[in-house]
Amino acid sequence: MQRDTKKHRKAYPAVKDGSGRRAGARKKKARTVSLMASASDSNEIVDRILSYYRPLKKPVTLRLDADVIAWFKKDGKRYQTRINEALRKVMEREMKKG
């Protein structure tokens, strides 16, 4: 849908040079990218990617002792996240042993 108003014609002047660009439009500069990387660069990239990594969450029903839940809840909200972090530490420690 093209508007035919004077305001529209001023904002978007007609193409005059046949290049497909608006009159007065600038050409985009070409960007160059270096493909050379060192080992430290790749480590930084991996670290950056891992910092954005979030494991998938799966809802489960889990029956825990009331005192355990109360202990995690005493620090306020996000107690489920703290429970998950504690379980992850145990899991990683077990994986290192085995």
PDB file of N, CA and C in Angstrom:
ATOM      1  N   MET A   1       0.843  -1.165   0.000  1.00  0.00           N
ATOM      2  CA  MET A   1       0.000   0.000   0.000  1.00  0.00           C
ATOM      3  C   MET A   1       0.888   1.227   0.000  1.00  0.00           C
ATOM      4  N   GLN A   2       0.750   2.048  -0.999  1.00  0.00           N
ATOM      5  CA  GLN A   2       1.587   3.234  -1.095  1.00  0.00           C
ATOM      6  C   GLN A   2       0.735   4.468  -0.861  1.00  0.00           C
ATOM      7  N   ARG A   3       1.228   5.327  -0.021  1.00  0.00           N
ATOM      8  CA  ARG A   3       0.513   6.567   0.268  1.00  0.00           C
ATOM      9  C   ARG A   3       0.883   7.596  -0.781  1.00  0.00           C
ATOM     10  N   ASP A   4      -0.086   8.410  -1.132  1.00  0.00           N
ATOM     11  CA  ASP A   4       0.177   9.423  -2.137  1.00  0.00           C
ATOM     12  C   ASP A   4      -0.034  10.802  -1.514  1.00  0.00           C
ATOM     13  N   THR A   5       0.815  11.106  -0.554  1.00  0.00           N
ATOM     14  CA  THR A   5       0.717  12.410   0.094  1.00  0.00           C
ATOM     15  C   THR A   5       2.021  13.148  -0.110  1.00  0.00           C
ATOM     16  N   LYS A   6       1.963  14.449   0.021  1.00  0.00           N
ATOM     17  CA  LYS A   6       3.178  15.246  -0.127  1.00  0.00           C
ATOM     18  C   LYS A   6       4.192  14.876   0.944  1.00  0.00           C
ATOM     19  N   LYS A   7       3.687  14.629   2.153  1.00  0.00           N
ATOM     20  CA  LYS A   7       4.577  14.258   3.253  1.00  0.00           C
ATOM     21  C   LYS A   7       5.346  12.982   2.911  1.00  0.00           C
ATOM     22  N   HIS A   8       4.636  12.002   2.346  1.00  0.00           N
ATOM     23  CA  HIS A   8       5.264  10.738   1.980  1.00  0.00           C
ATOM     24  C   HIS A   8       6.320  10.948   0.901  1.00  0.00           C
ATOM     25  N   ARG A   9       6.043  11.782  -0.087  1.00  0.00           N
ATOM     26  CA  ARG A   9       6.997  12.020  -1.162  1.00  0.00           C
ATOM     27  C   ARG A   9       8.249  12.723  -0.658  1.00  0.00           C
ATOM     28  N   LYS A  10       8.105  13.576   0.351  1.00  0.00           N
ATOM     29  CA  LYS A  10       9.269  14.254   0.915  1.00  0.00           C
ATOM     30  C   LYS A  10      10.130  13.280   1.711  1.00  0.00           C
ATOM     31  N   ALA A  11       9.483  12.412   2.465  1.00  0.00           N
ATOM     32  CA  ALA A  11      10.226  11.469   3.302  1.00  0.00           C
ATOM     33  C   ALA A  11      10.925  10.406   2.459  1.00  0.00           C
ATOM     34  N   TYR A  12      10.302   9.995   1.354  1.00  0.00           N
ATOM     35  CA  TYR A  12      10.848   8.945   0.518  1.00  0.00           C
ATOM     36  C   TYR A  12      10.900   9.430  -0.925  1.00  0.00           C
ATOM     37  N   PRO A  13      11.918  10.187  -1.286  1.00  0.00           N
ATOM     38  CA  PRO A  13      11.987  10.711  -2.648  1.00  0.00           C
ATOM     39  C   PRO A  13      12.135   9.592  -3.675  1.00  0.00           C
ATOM     40  N   ALA A  14      11.683   9.841  -4.855  1.00  0.00           N
ATOM     41  CA  ALA A  14      11.721   8.841  -5.931  1.00  0.00           C
ATOM     42  C   ALA A  14      13.158   8.532  -6.331  1.00  0.00           C
ATOM     43  N   VAL A  15      13.348   7.351  -6.878  1.00  0.00           N
ATOM     44  CA  VAL A  15      14.657   6.939  -7.381  1.00  0.00           C
ATOM     45  C   VAL A  15      14.941   7.730  -8.649  1.00  0.00           C
ATOM     46  N   LYS A  16      16.112   8.340  -8.690  1.00  0.00           N
ATOM     47  CA  LYS A  16      16.428   9.177  -9.837  1.00  0.00           C
ATOM     48  C   LYS A  16      17.575   8.632 -10.683  1.00  0.00           C
ATOM     49  N   ASP A  17      18.426   7.822 -10.082  1.00  0.00           N
ATOM     50  CA  ASP A  17      19.601   7.401 -10.839  1.00  0.00           C
ATOM     51  C   ASP A  17      19.475   5.992 -11.425  1.00  0.00           C
ATOM     52  N   GLY A  18      18.338   5.325 -11.251  1.00  0.00           N
ATOM     53  CA  GLY A  18      18.129   4.009 -11.829  1.00  0.00           C
ATOM     54  C   GLY A  18      18.849   2.885 -11.108  1.00  0.00           C
ATOM     55  N   SER A  19      19.437   3.149  -9.940  1.00  0.00           N
ATOM     56  CA  SER A  19      20.196   2.112  -9.236  1.00  0.00           C
ATOM     57  C   SER A  19      19.333   1.282  -8.294  1.00  0.00           C
ATOM     58  N   GLY A  20      18.084   1.667  -8.125  1.00  0.00           N
ATOM     59  CA  GLY A  20      17.229   0.946  -7.200  1.00  0.00           C
ATOM     60  C   GLY A  20      17.256   1.533  -5.809  1.00  0.00           C
ATOM     61  N   ARG A  21      18.120   2.523  -5.596  1.00  0.00           N
ATOM     62  CA  ARG A  21      18.200   3.188  -4.288  1.00  0.00           C
ATOM     63  C   ARG A  21      17.487   4.516  -4.361  1.00  0.00           C
ATOM     64  N   ARG A  22      17.052   4.978  -3.199  1.00  0.00           N
ATOM     65  CA  ARG A  22      16.466   6.311  -3.140  1.00  0.00           C
ATOM     66  C   ARG A  22      17.551   7.326  -3.464  1.00  0.00           C
ATOM     67  N   ALA A  23      17.134   8.454  -3.952  1.00  0.00           N
ATOM     68  CA  ALA A  23      18.083   9.530  -4.232  1.00  0.00           C
ATOM     69  C   ALA A  23      18.720   9.967  -2.923  1.00  0.00           C
ATOM     70  N   GLY A  24      20.012  10.070  -2.898  1.00  0.00           N
ATOM     71  CA  GLY A  24      20.724  10.504  -1.700  1.00  0.00           C
ATOM     72  C   GLY A  24      21.039   9.379  -0.725  1.00  0.00           C
ATOM     73  N   ALA A  25      20.602   8.150  -1.019  1.00  0.00           N
ATOM     74  CA  ALA A  25      20.884   7.038  -0.119  1.00  0.00           C
ATOM     75  C   ALA A  25      22.356   6.661  -0.222  1.00  0.00           C
ATOM     76  N   ARG A  26      22.932   6.307   0.898  1.00  0.00           N
ATOM     77  CA  ARG A  26      24.352   5.939   0.921  1.00  0.00           C
ATOM     78  C   ARG A  26      24.535   4.462   0.642  1.00  0.00           C
ATOM     79  N   LYS A  27      25.676   4.135   0.056  1.00  0.00           N
ATOM     80  CA  LYS A  27      26.023   2.735  -0.138  1.00  0.00           C
ATOM     81  C   LYS A  27      26.491   2.170   1.189  1.00  0.00           C
ATOM     82  N   LYS A  28      26.191   0.885   1.424  1.00  0.00           N
ATOM     83  CA  LYS A  28      26.665   0.242   2.635  1.00  0.00           C
ATOM     84  C   LYS A  28      28.131  -0.120   2.463  1.00  0.00           C
ATOM     85  N   LYS A  29      28.899   0.101   3.527  1.00  0.00           N
ATOM     86  CA  LYS A  29      30.310  -0.253   3.480  1.00  0.00           C
ATOM     87  C   LYS A  29      30.455  -1.749   3.689  1.00  0.00           C
ATOM     88  N   ALA A  30      31.376  -2.343   2.958  1.00  0.00           N
ATOM     89  CA  ALA A  30      31.643  -3.763   3.125  1.00  0.00           C
ATOM     90  C   ALA A  30      32.405  -3.984   4.418  1.00  0.00           C
ATOM     91  N   ARG A  31      32.009  -5.004   5.146  1.00  0.00           N
ATOM     92  CA  ARG A  31      32.691  -5.328   6.397  1.00  0.00           C
ATOM     93  C   ARG A  31      33.634  -6.491   6.169  1.00  0.00           C
ATOM     94  N   THR A  32      34.787  -6.429   6.795  1.00  0.00           N
ATOM     95  CA  THR A  32      35.726  -7.530   6.707  1.00  0.00           C
ATOM     96  C   THR A  32      35.816  -8.203   8.061  1.00  0.00           C
ATOM     97  N   VAL A  33      35.949  -9.496   8.039  1.00  0.00           N
ATOM     98  CA  VAL A  33      36.031 -10.283   9.265  1.00  0.00           C
ATOM     99  C   VAL A  33      37.294 -11.114   9.203  1.00  0.00           C
ATOM    100  N   SER A  34      38.049 -11.091  10.277  1.00  0.00           N
ATOM    101  CA  SER A  34      39.253 -11.901  10.336  1.00  0.00           C
ATOM    102  C   SER A  34      38.876 -13.327  10.725  1.00  0.00           C
ATOM    103  N   LEU A  35      39.347 -14.285   9.954  1.00  0.00           N
ATOM    104  CA  LEU A  35      39.059 -15.679  10.241  1.00  0.00           C
ATOM    105  C   LEU A  35      40.176 -16.340  11.033  1.00  0.00           C
ATOM    106  N   MET A  36      41.193 -15.597  11.361  1.00  0.00           N
ATOM    107  CA  MET A  36      42.290 -16.148  12.133  1.00  0.00           C
ATOM    108  C   MET A  36      41.922 -16.114  13.612  1.00  0.00           C
ATOM    109  N   ALA A  37      42.195 -17.198  14.295  1.00  0.00           N
ATOM    110  CA  ALA A  37      41.877 -17.272  15.723  1.00  0.00           C
ATOM    111  C   ALA A  37      42.974 -18.044  16.425  1.00  0.00           C
ATOM    112  N   SER A  38      43.263 -17.641  17.617  1.00  0.00           N
ATOM    113  CA  SER A  38      44.242 -18.369  18.410  1.00  0.00           C
ATOM    114  C   SER A  38      43.503 -19.285  19.375  1.00  0.00           C
ATOM    115  N   ALA A  39      44.241 -20.120  20.090  1.00  0.00           N
ATOM    116  CA  ALA A  39      43.636 -21.026  21.061  1.00  0.00           C
ATOM    117  C   ALA A  39      42.945 -20.249  22.169  1.00  0.00           C
ATOM    118  N   SER A  40      43.520 -19.138  22.588  1.00  0.00           N
ATOM    119  CA  SER A  40      42.894 -18.356  23.660  1.00  0.00           C
ATOM    120  C   SER A  40      41.584 -17.738  23.180  1.00  0.00           C
ATOM    121  N   ASP A  41      41.533 -17.354  21.891  1.00  0.00           N
ATOM    122  CA  ASP A  41      40.290 -16.822  21.339  1.00  0.00           C
ATOM    123  C   ASP A  41      39.194 -17.871  21.370  1.00  0.00           C
ATOM    124  N   SER A  42      39.535 -19.107  20.990  1.00  0.00           N
ATOM    125  CA  SER A  42      38.520 -20.154  20.969  1.00  0.00           C
ATOM    126  C   SER A  42      38.063 -20.483  22.387  1.00  0.00           C
ATOM    127  N   ASN A  43      38.969 -20.433  23.368  1.00  0.00           N
ATOM    128  CA  ASN A  43      38.564 -20.667  24.755  1.00  0.00           C
ATOM    129  C   ASN A  43      37.604 -19.589  25.224  1.00  0.00           C
ATOM    130  N   GLU A  44      37.865 -18.350  24.838  1.00  0.00           N
ATOM    131  CA  GLU A  44      36.972 -17.252  25.219  1.00  0.00           C
ATOM    132  C   GLU A  44      35.604 -17.432  24.581  1.00  0.00           C
ATOM    133  N   ILE A  45      35.578 -17.899  23.350  1.00  0.00           N
ATOM    134  CA  ILE A  45      34.309 -18.118  22.656  1.00  0.00           C
ATOM    135  C   ILE A  45      33.523 -19.224  23.350  1.00  0.00           C
ATOM    136  N   VAL A  46      34.196 -20.309  23.681  1.00  0.00           N
ATOM    137  CA  VAL A  46      33.531 -21.418  24.374  1.00  0.00           C
ATOM    138  C   VAL A  46      33.003 -20.944  25.724  1.00  0.00           C
ATOM    139  N   ASP A  47      33.804 -20.182  26.464  1.00  0.00           N
ATOM    140  CA  ASP A  47      33.357 -19.662  27.759  1.00  0.00           C
ATOM    141  C   ASP A  47      32.137 -18.770  27.600  1.00  0.00           C
ATOM    142  N   ARG A  48      32.130 -17.944  26.559  1.00  0.00           N
ATOM    143  CA  ARG A  48      30.990 -17.053  26.321  1.00  0.00           C
ATOM    144  C   ARG A  48      29.740 -17.860  25.989  1.00  0.00           C
ATOM    145  N   ILE A  49      29.881 -18.896  25.161  1.00  0.00           N
ATOM    146  CA  ILE A  49      28.740 -19.737  24.805  1.00  0.00           C
ATOM    147  C   ILE A  49      28.214 -20.455  26.036  1.00  0.00           C
ATOM    148  N   LEU A  50      29.125 -21.002  26.851  1.00  0.00           N
ATOM    149  CA  LEU A  50      28.695 -21.720  28.046  1.00  0.00           C
ATOM    150  C   LEU A  50      28.035 -20.799  29.066  1.00  0.00           C
ATOM    151  N   SER A  51      28.407 -19.525  29.071  1.00  0.00           N
ATOM    152  CA  SER A  51      27.775 -18.606  30.014  1.00  0.00           C
ATOM    153  C   SER A  51      26.306 -18.387  29.664  1.00  0.00           C
ATOM    154  N   TYR A  52      25.927 -18.607  28.400  1.00  0.00           N
ATOM    155  CA  TYR A  52      24.535 -18.470  27.990  1.00  0.00           C
ATOM    156  C   TYR A  52      23.788 -19.806  28.050  1.00  0.00           C
ATOM    157  N   TYR A  53      24.479 -20.896  28.270  1.00  0.00           N
ATOM    158  CA  TYR A  53      23.862 -22.218  28.278  1.00  0.00           C
ATOM    159  C   TYR A  53      22.953 -22.376  29.487  1.00  0.00           C
ATOM    160  N   ARG A  54      21.740 -22.784  29.239  1.00  0.00           N
ATOM    161  CA  ARG A  54      20.807 -23.073  30.316  1.00  0.00           C
ATOM    162  C   ARG A  54      20.212 -24.446  30.061  1.00  0.00           C
ATOM    163  N   PRO A  55      20.444 -25.384  30.968  1.00  0.00           N
ATOM    164  CA  PRO A  55      19.878 -26.725  30.759  1.00  0.00           C
ATOM    165  C   PRO A  55      18.356 -26.669  30.709  1.00  0.00           C
ATOM    166  N   LEU A  56      17.769 -27.595  29.997  1.00  0.00           N
ATOM    167  CA  LEU A  56      16.313 -27.677  29.942  1.00  0.00           C
ATOM    168  C   LEU A  56      15.774 -28.041  31.308  1.00  0.00           C
ATOM    169  N   LYS A  57      14.668 -27.432  31.673  1.00  0.00           N
ATOM    170  CA  LYS A  57      14.006 -27.728  32.943  1.00  0.00           C
ATOM    171  C   LYS A  57      12.854 -28.678  32.663  1.00  0.00           C
ATOM    172  N   LYS A  58      12.680 -29.655  33.547  1.00  0.00           N
ATOM    173  CA  LYS A  58      11.602 -30.613  33.394  1.00  0.00           C
ATOM    174  C   LYS A  58      10.809 -30.631  34.687  1.00  0.00           C
ATOM    175  N   PRO A  59       9.513 -30.372  34.620  1.00  0.00           N
ATOM    176  CA  PRO A  59       8.719 -30.381  35.848  1.00  0.00           C
ATOM    177  C   PRO A  59       8.575 -31.795  36.391  1.00  0.00           C
ATOM    178  N   VAL A  60       8.772 -31.936  37.687  1.00  0.00           N
ATOM    179  CA  VAL A  60       8.626 -33.232  38.352  1.00  0.00           C
ATOM    180  C   VAL A  60       7.891 -33.033  39.671  1.00  0.00           C
ATOM    181  N   THR A  61       7.319 -34.099  40.162  1.00  0.00           N
ATOM    182  CA  THR A  61       6.743 -34.095  41.496  1.00  0.00           C
ATOM    183  C   THR A  61       7.734 -34.834  42.371  1.00  0.00           C
ATOM    184  N   LEU A  62       8.172 -34.190  43.424  1.00  0.00           N
ATOM    185  CA  LEU A  62       9.212 -34.746  44.277  1.00  0.00           C
ATOM    186  C   LEU A  62       8.772 -34.600  45.724  1.00  0.00           C
ATOM    187  N   ARG A  63       8.814 -35.680  46.457  1.00  0.00           N
ATOM    188  CA  ARG A  63       8.408 -35.625  47.854  1.00  0.00           C
ATOM    189  C   ARG A  63       9.663 -35.493  48.716  1.00  0.00           C
ATOM    190  N   LEU A  64       9.778 -34.361  49.394  1.00  0.00           N
ATOM    191  CA  LEU A  64      10.919 -34.084  50.264  1.00  0.00           C
ATOM    192  C   LEU A  64      10.442 -33.914  51.694  1.00  0.00           C
ATOM    193  N   ASP A  65      11.340 -34.129  52.630  1.00  0.00           N
ATOM    194  CA  ASP A  65      11.000 -33.920  54.035  1.00  0.00           C
ATOM    195  C   ASP A  65      10.698 -32.450  54.274  1.00  0.00           C
ATOM    196  N   ALA A  66       9.743 -32.183  55.156  1.00  0.00           N
ATOM    197  CA  ALA A  66       9.308 -30.815  55.439  1.00  0.00           C
ATOM    198  C   ALA A  66      10.454 -29.954  55.962  1.00  0.00           C
ATOM    199  N   ASP A  67      11.331 -30.543  56.806  1.00  0.00           N
ATOM    200  CA  ASP A  67      12.430 -29.750  57.354  1.00  0.00           C
ATOM    201  C   ASP A  67      13.456 -29.374  56.283  1.00  0.00           C
ATOM    202  N   VAL A  68      13.621 -30.223  55.280  1.00  0.00           N
ATOM    203  CA  VAL A  68      14.539 -29.918  54.179  1.00  0.00           C
ATOM    204  C   VAL A  68      13.987 -28.752  53.369  1.00  0.00           C
ATOM    205  N   ILE A  69      12.696 -28.798  53.058  1.00  0.00           N
ATOM    206  CA  ILE A  69      12.074 -27.704  52.307  1.00  0.00           C
ATOM    207  C   ILE A  69      12.142 -26.410  53.104  1.00  0.00           C
ATOM    208  N   ALA A  70      11.861 -26.478  54.399  1.00  0.00           N
ATOM    209  CA  ALA A  70      11.906 -25.280  55.244  1.00  0.00           C
ATOM    210  C   ALA A  70      13.310 -24.686  55.263  1.00  0.00           C
ATOM    211  N   TRP A  71      14.326 -25.536  55.285  1.00  0.00           N
ATOM    212  CA  TRP A  71      15.708 -25.050  55.313  1.00  0.00           C
ATOM    213  C   TRP A  71      16.038 -24.279  54.027  1.00  0.00           C
ATOM    214  N   PHE A  72      15.604 -24.812  52.878  1.00  0.00           N
ATOM    215  CA  PHE A  72      15.853 -24.113  51.609  1.00  0.00           C
ATOM    216  C   PHE A  72      15.004 -22.847  51.495  1.00  0.00           C
ATOM    217  N   LYS A  73      13.787 -22.851  52.051  1.00  0.00           N
ATOM    218  CA  LYS A  73      12.889 -21.699  51.948  1.00  0.00           C
ATOM    219  C   LYS A  73      13.279 -20.563  52.883  1.00  0.00           C
ATOM    220  N   LYS A  74      14.083 -20.827  53.907  1.00  0.00           N
ATOM    221  CA  LYS A  74      14.405 -19.794  54.897  1.00  0.00           C
ATOM    222  C   LYS A  74      15.125 -18.592  54.279  1.00  0.00           C
ATOM    223  N   ASP A  75      15.800 -18.767  53.151  1.00  0.00           N
ATOM    224  CA  ASP A  75      16.514 -17.667  52.495  1.00  0.00           C
ATOM    225  C   ASP A  75      15.632 -16.901  51.509  1.00  0.00           C
ATOM    226  N   GLY A  76      14.350 -17.255  51.432  1.00  0.00           N
ATOM    227  CA  GLY A  76      13.433 -16.508  50.573  1.00  0.00           C
ATOM    228  C   GLY A  76      13.116 -17.228  49.280  1.00  0.00           C
ATOM    229  N   LYS A  77      12.720 -16.428  48.306  1.00  0.00           N
ATOM    230  CA  LYS A  77      12.298 -16.969  47.013  1.00  0.00           C
ATOM    231  C   LYS A  77      13.442 -17.701  46.320  1.00  0.00           C
ATOM    232  N   ARG A  78      13.084 -18.415  45.269  1.00  0.00           N
ATOM    233  CA  ARG A  78      14.024 -19.185  44.438  1.00  0.00           C
ATOM    234  C   ARG A  78      14.592 -20.404  45.170  1.00  0.00           C
ATOM    235  N   TYR A  79      13.816 -20.946  46.114  1.00  0.00           N
ATOM    236  CA  TYR A  79      14.294 -22.112  46.850  1.00  0.00           C
ATOM    237  C   TYR A  79      14.448 -23.321  45.932  1.00  0.00           C
ATOM    238  N   GLN A  80      13.607 -23.413  44.888  1.00  0.00           N
ATOM    239  CA  GLN A  80      13.731 -24.540  43.960  1.00  0.00           C
ATOM    240  C   GLN A  80      15.044 -24.470  43.190  1.00  0.00           C
ATOM    241  N   THR A  81      15.473 -23.265  42.861  1.00  0.00           N
ATOM    242  CA  THR A  81      16.756 -23.088  42.181  1.00  0.00           C
ATOM    243  C   THR A  81      17.893 -23.522  43.088  1.00  0.00           C
ATOM    244  N   ARG A  82      17.807 -23.169  44.375  1.00  0.00           N
ATOM    245  CA  ARG A  82      18.861 -23.582  45.325  1.00  0.00           C
ATOM    246  C   ARG A  82      18.879 -25.095  45.503  1.00  0.00           C
ATOM    247  N   ILE A  83      17.716 -25.726  45.516  1.00  0.00           N
ATOM    248  CA  ILE A  83      17.663 -27.190  45.600  1.00  0.00           C
ATOM    249  C   ILE A  83      18.322 -27.789  44.363  1.00  0.00           C
ATOM    250  N   ASN A  84      18.025 -27.250  43.196  1.00  0.00           N
ATOM    251  CA  ASN A  84      18.613 -27.743  41.946  1.00  0.00           C
ATOM    252  C   ASN A  84      20.131 -27.590  41.965  1.00  0.00           C
ATOM    253  N   GLU A  85      20.622 -26.436  42.450  1.00  0.00           N
ATOM    254  CA  GLU A  85      22.072 -26.214  42.520  1.00  0.00           C
ATOM    255  C   GLU A  85      22.743 -27.208  43.465  1.00  0.00           C
ATOM    256  N   ALA A  86      22.105 -27.492  44.600  1.00  0.00           N
ATOM    257  CA  ALA A  86      22.669 -28.451  45.547  1.00  0.00           C
ATOM    258  C   ALA A  86      22.722 -29.845  44.932  1.00  0.00           C
ATOM    259  N   LEU A  87      21.670 -30.233  44.250  1.00  0.00           N
ATOM    260  CA  LEU A  87      21.660 -31.547  43.597  1.00  0.00           C
ATOM    261  C   LEU A  87      22.698 -31.618  42.480  1.00  0.00           C
ATOM    262  N   ARG A  88      22.878 -30.517  41.753  1.00  0.00           N
ATOM    263  CA  ARG A  88      23.876 -30.491  40.679  1.00  0.00           C
ATOM    264  C   ARG A  88      25.284 -30.664  41.235  1.00  0.00           C
ATOM    265  N   LYS A  89      25.586 -30.024  42.379  1.00  0.00           N
ATOM    266  CA  LYS A  89      26.909 -30.177  42.994  1.00  0.00           C
ATOM    267  C   LYS A  89      27.168 -31.629  43.369  1.00  0.00           C
ATOM    268  N   VAL A  90      26.159 -32.279  43.943  1.00  0.00           N
ATOM    269  CA  VAL A  90      26.304 -33.692  44.305  1.00  0.00           C
ATOM    270  C   VAL A  90      26.509 -34.528  43.044  1.00  0.00           C
ATOM    271  N   MET A  91      25.733 -34.259  42.003  1.00  0.00           N
ATOM    272  CA  MET A  91      25.848 -35.009  40.752  1.00  0.00           C
ATOM    273  C   MET A  91      27.246 -34.858  40.151  1.00  0.00           C
ATOM    274  N   GLU A  92      27.766 -33.628  40.091  1.00  0.00           N
ATOM    275  CA  GLU A  92      29.082 -33.395  39.506  1.00  0.00           C
ATOM    276  C   GLU A  92      30.180 -34.053  40.335  1.00  0.00           C
ATOM    277  N   ARG A  93      30.044 -34.032  41.642  1.00  0.00           N
ATOM    278  CA  ARG A  93      31.031 -34.680  42.510  1.00  0.00           C
ATOM    279  C   ARG A  93      31.026 -36.192  42.270  1.00  0.00           C
ATOM    280  N   GLU A  94      29.849 -36.771  42.130  1.00  0.00           N
ATOM    281  CA  GLU A  94      29.740 -38.222  41.860  1.00  0.00           C
ATOM    282  C   GLU A  94      30.312 -38.565  40.489  1.00  0.00           C
ATOM    283  N   MET A  95      30.096 -37.689  39.522  1.00  0.00           N
ATOM    284  CA  MET A  95      30.609 -37.952  38.176  1.00  0.00           C
ATOM    285  C   MET A  95      32.129 -37.924  38.157  1.00  0.00           C
ATOM    286  N   LYS A  96      32.741 -37.060  38.964  1.00  0.00           N
ATOM    287  CA  LYS A  96      34.208 -36.999  39.025  1.00  0.00           C
ATOM    288  C   LYS A  96      34.779 -38.257  39.652  1.00  0.00           C
ATOM    289  N   LYS A  97      34.101 -38.793  40.654  1.00  0.00           N
ATOM    290  CA  LYS A  97      34.565 -40.012  41.323  1.00  0.00           C
ATOM    291  C   LYS A  97      34.528 -41.209  40.387  1.00  0.00           C
ATOM    292  N   GLY A  98      33.438 -41.327  39.637  1.00  0.00           N
ATOM    293  CA  GLY A  98      33.208 -42.514  38.832  1.00  0.00           C
ATOM    294  C   GLY A  98      33.832 -42.420  37.516  1.00  0.00           C
TER     295      GLY A  98
END
